[in-house]
Every structure is written in C-alpha cells, then in structure tokens.
C-alpha cells in the first residue's frame, strides 16, 4: 500500500473476474476519492489509478451522482466505453483472470484529501519506482 493512502479510514476492496458483473461486484461508496486497480496473478501488479470528486475554490466538494461506485462501474475507458463493458474485454485481451480494486474515500467529514492530488501522488510514486505509469493509465 502507498503511504499516502494510510490516513484514509473509509476504504474497502473487491475482486472482479471477466465473467462477473462489475455492477454487482463493486462495493465502492458513493463518496469521493481514489481507486487502485491491480491485476492479480502470482503477484499483484498495479495497472490503474483513478479518482472522482473536485474541490472548489471555496473548499466544498463537487461530486457526480454515485461517486466512486459510479466512476468505477460507468466511467469510460478503452475507446470511450463504460468500464462494466470495457474491463472484461480488456482483461480477455490481456489474459488477466482477476482484478482487485481498492478504493479510498479521501474527502469526507473526517479527511480532506483532494482526490486528484492523492491520485497524482500515487502515480508519481509509481512513476518514480517504475519510470512509467501503470499500463491502464494512458496519461496524467
């Protein structure tokens, strides 16, 4: 786990196989924060980092309906297709049998971590260690 995520107490994870329903598997909250996607084989490999929620200049949070859950299940990826469709197809293409998705509420009543800033910190650490972004992150 990345040290910048340790302070966020509202967190959980779920596993997803290509034949599963992402809508049913996803246990993410409707809060705002970040999610990390791992390909699980003999070892876990971080393949994507994402976030949802925007902090406004007055310190309030702007979040789309459904928060993390909606972003994970319905968010577009791979040719502008919702993840509930694109992840299973990409998993088959890359021969990934299982994903583990770990999510964190970074901005709530207790903690005020700006989701995109936390996402950037995790990606920066990954980049520093590997010289590249996770394979499912096209750019940052």
Protein backbone atom coordinates (compact mmCIF):
# COMPACT_ATOMS: atom_id res chain seq x y z
CA UNK A 1 0.00 0.00 0.00
CA UNK A 2 1.13 3.52 -0.72
CA UNK A 3 1.87 5.54 2.43
CA UNK A 4 -0.22 8.49 1.27
CA UNK A 5 -3.31 6.26 1.47
CA UNK A 6 -2.81 5.09 5.07
CA UNK A 7 -4.63 8.06 6.62
CA UNK A 8 -7.90 7.40 4.78
CA UNK A 9 -10.09 5.25 7.01
CA UNK A 10 -13.15 4.79 4.75
CA UNK A 11 -11.80 2.12 2.42
CA UNK A 12 -12.53 -1.34 1.10
CA UNK A 13 -11.77 -3.59 -1.83
CA UNK A 14 -13.42 -6.09 -4.13
CA UNK A 15 -12.35 -8.66 -6.70
CA UNK A 16 -13.63 -8.82 -10.26
CA UNK A 17 -13.33 -11.59 -12.84
CA UNK A 18 -14.14 -11.01 -16.51
CA UNK A 19 -17.32 -13.11 -16.29
CA UNK A 20 -18.60 -11.18 -13.24
CA UNK A 21 -20.97 -8.23 -13.25
CA UNK A 22 -18.95 -5.15 -12.29
CA UNK A 23 -22.15 -3.53 -11.01
CA UNK A 24 -22.70 -6.41 -8.59
CA UNK A 25 -19.05 -6.88 -7.60
CA UNK A 26 -18.35 -3.22 -6.88
CA UNK A 27 -18.75 -2.34 -3.20
CA UNK A 28 -17.38 1.20 -3.51
CA UNK A 29 -19.14 4.01 -1.71
CA UNK A 30 -20.85 6.99 -3.27
CA UNK A 31 -18.19 9.16 -1.68
CA UNK A 32 -15.29 10.94 -3.32
CA UNK A 33 -11.77 9.61 -3.56
CA UNK A 34 -9.37 7.34 -5.41
CA UNK A 35 -9.31 3.75 -6.59
CA UNK A 36 -6.41 1.48 -7.47
CA UNK A 37 -6.78 -1.46 -9.85
CA UNK A 38 -4.48 -4.45 -9.58
CA UNK A 39 -4.11 -7.40 -11.95
CA UNK A 40 -3.91 -10.46 -9.72
CA UNK A 41 -1.77 -13.39 -10.81
CA UNK A 42 1.15 -14.94 -8.93
CA UNK A 43 1.87 -11.36 -7.88
CA UNK A 44 -0.35 -8.29 -7.84
CA UNK A 45 0.51 -5.55 -10.32
CA UNK A 46 -0.90 -2.04 -10.10
CA UNK A 47 -2.37 -1.38 -13.55
CA UNK A 48 -4.50 1.74 -12.98
CA UNK A 49 -5.20 4.61 -10.60
CA UNK A 50 -8.34 6.73 -10.88
CA UNK A 51 -10.23 9.34 -8.87
CA UNK A 52 -13.52 11.19 -8.63
CA UNK A 53 -14.57 14.44 -6.99
CA UNK A 54 -13.44 18.03 -7.48
CA UNK A 55 -12.70 20.51 -4.71
CA UNK A 56 -13.97 24.02 -5.47
CA UNK A 57 -12.12 27.22 -4.52
CA UNK A 58 -14.41 27.72 -1.50
CA UNK A 59 -13.34 24.33 -0.10
CA UNK A 60 -16.54 22.49 -0.99
CA UNK A 61 -16.63 19.24 -2.88
CA UNK A 62 -18.30 18.83 -6.25
CA UNK A 63 -19.12 15.19 -6.87
CA UNK A 64 -21.09 13.49 -9.59
CA UNK A 65 -24.02 11.33 -8.52
CA UNK A 66 -22.87 7.90 -7.45
CA UNK A 67 -19.31 8.90 -6.51
CA UNK A 68 -16.67 6.20 -6.55
CA UNK A 69 -19.11 3.41 -7.36
CA UNK A 70 -20.46 5.22 -10.42
CA UNK A 71 -16.96 6.19 -11.60
CA UNK A 72 -15.68 2.62 -11.33
CA UNK A 73 -18.70 0.94 -12.97
CA UNK A 74 -19.83 3.52 -15.54
CA UNK A 75 -16.66 5.54 -16.15
CA UNK A 76 -15.32 5.42 -19.69
CA UNK A 77 -12.12 3.60 -20.53
CA UNK A 78 -10.72 1.96 -23.64
CA UNK A 79 -12.42 3.58 -26.62
CA UNK A 80 -14.89 5.64 -24.56
CA UNK A 81 -16.77 2.59 -23.33
CA UNK A 82 -18.10 2.12 -19.79
CA UNK A 83 -15.82 0.03 -17.60
CA UNK A 84 -18.56 -2.54 -16.94
CA UNK A 85 -18.09 -3.45 -20.63
CA UNK A 86 -14.51 -2.43 -21.36
CA UNK A 87 -12.78 -4.05 -18.39
CA UNK A 88 -13.96 -7.62 -19.18
CA UNK A 89 -12.97 -7.17 -22.84
CA UNK A 90 -9.55 -5.76 -21.92
CA UNK A 91 -8.99 -8.49 -19.35
CA UNK A 92 -9.62 -11.16 -22.01
CA UNK A 93 -7.36 -9.32 -24.46
CA UNK A 94 -4.52 -9.15 -21.90
CA UNK A 95 -5.22 -12.58 -20.36
CA UNK A 96 -5.95 -11.12 -16.91
CA UNK A 97 -8.13 -13.51 -14.92
CA UNK A 98 -8.78 -11.36 -11.84
CA UNK A 99 -8.72 -7.70 -10.83
CA UNK A 100 -8.61 -6.39 -7.29
CA UNK A 101 -9.98 -2.87 -6.88
CA UNK A 102 -9.07 -1.00 -3.70
CA UNK A 103 -10.90 2.27 -3.04
CA UNK A 104 -10.47 5.08 -0.55
CA UNK A 105 -12.73 7.99 0.38
CA UNK A 106 -10.18 10.79 0.50
CA UNK A 107 -12.56 13.73 1.02
CA UNK A 108 -15.29 13.48 3.64
CA UNK A 109 -16.17 14.91 7.06
CA UNK A 110 -13.03 13.45 8.67
CA UNK A 111 -10.38 13.84 5.96
CA UNK A 112 -9.82 16.44 3.25
CA UNK A 113 -7.52 14.84 0.69
CA UNK A 114 -8.20 16.32 -2.77
CA UNK A 115 -8.93 13.24 -4.90
CA UNK A 116 -6.90 14.27 -7.95
CA UNK A 117 -3.98 15.34 -5.74
CA UNK A 118 -3.96 11.95 -3.98
CA UNK A 119 -4.23 10.21 -7.37
CA UNK A 120 -1.26 12.28 -8.57
CA UNK A 121 0.82 11.36 -5.51
CA UNK A 122 0.20 7.65 -6.03
CA UNK A 123 1.00 7.94 -9.74
CA UNK A 124 4.16 9.98 -9.01
CA UNK A 125 5.40 7.31 -6.59
CA UNK A 126 4.64 4.58 -9.13
CA UNK A 127 6.44 6.60 -11.82
CA UNK A 128 9.46 7.16 -9.56
CA UNK A 129 9.69 3.41 -8.91
CA UNK A 130 8.99 2.19 -12.46
CA UNK A 131 9.83 5.01 -14.88
CA UNK A 132 6.33 4.80 -16.38
CA UNK A 133 2.64 5.00 -15.48
CA UNK A 134 0.51 1.91 -14.77
CA UNK A 135 -0.42 0.21 -18.06
CA UNK A 136 -4.12 1.19 -17.97
CA UNK A 137 -3.36 4.86 -17.21
CA UNK A 138 -2.94 6.39 -20.66
CA UNK A 139 -1.72 9.77 -19.36
CA UNK A 140 -1.81 12.04 -16.36
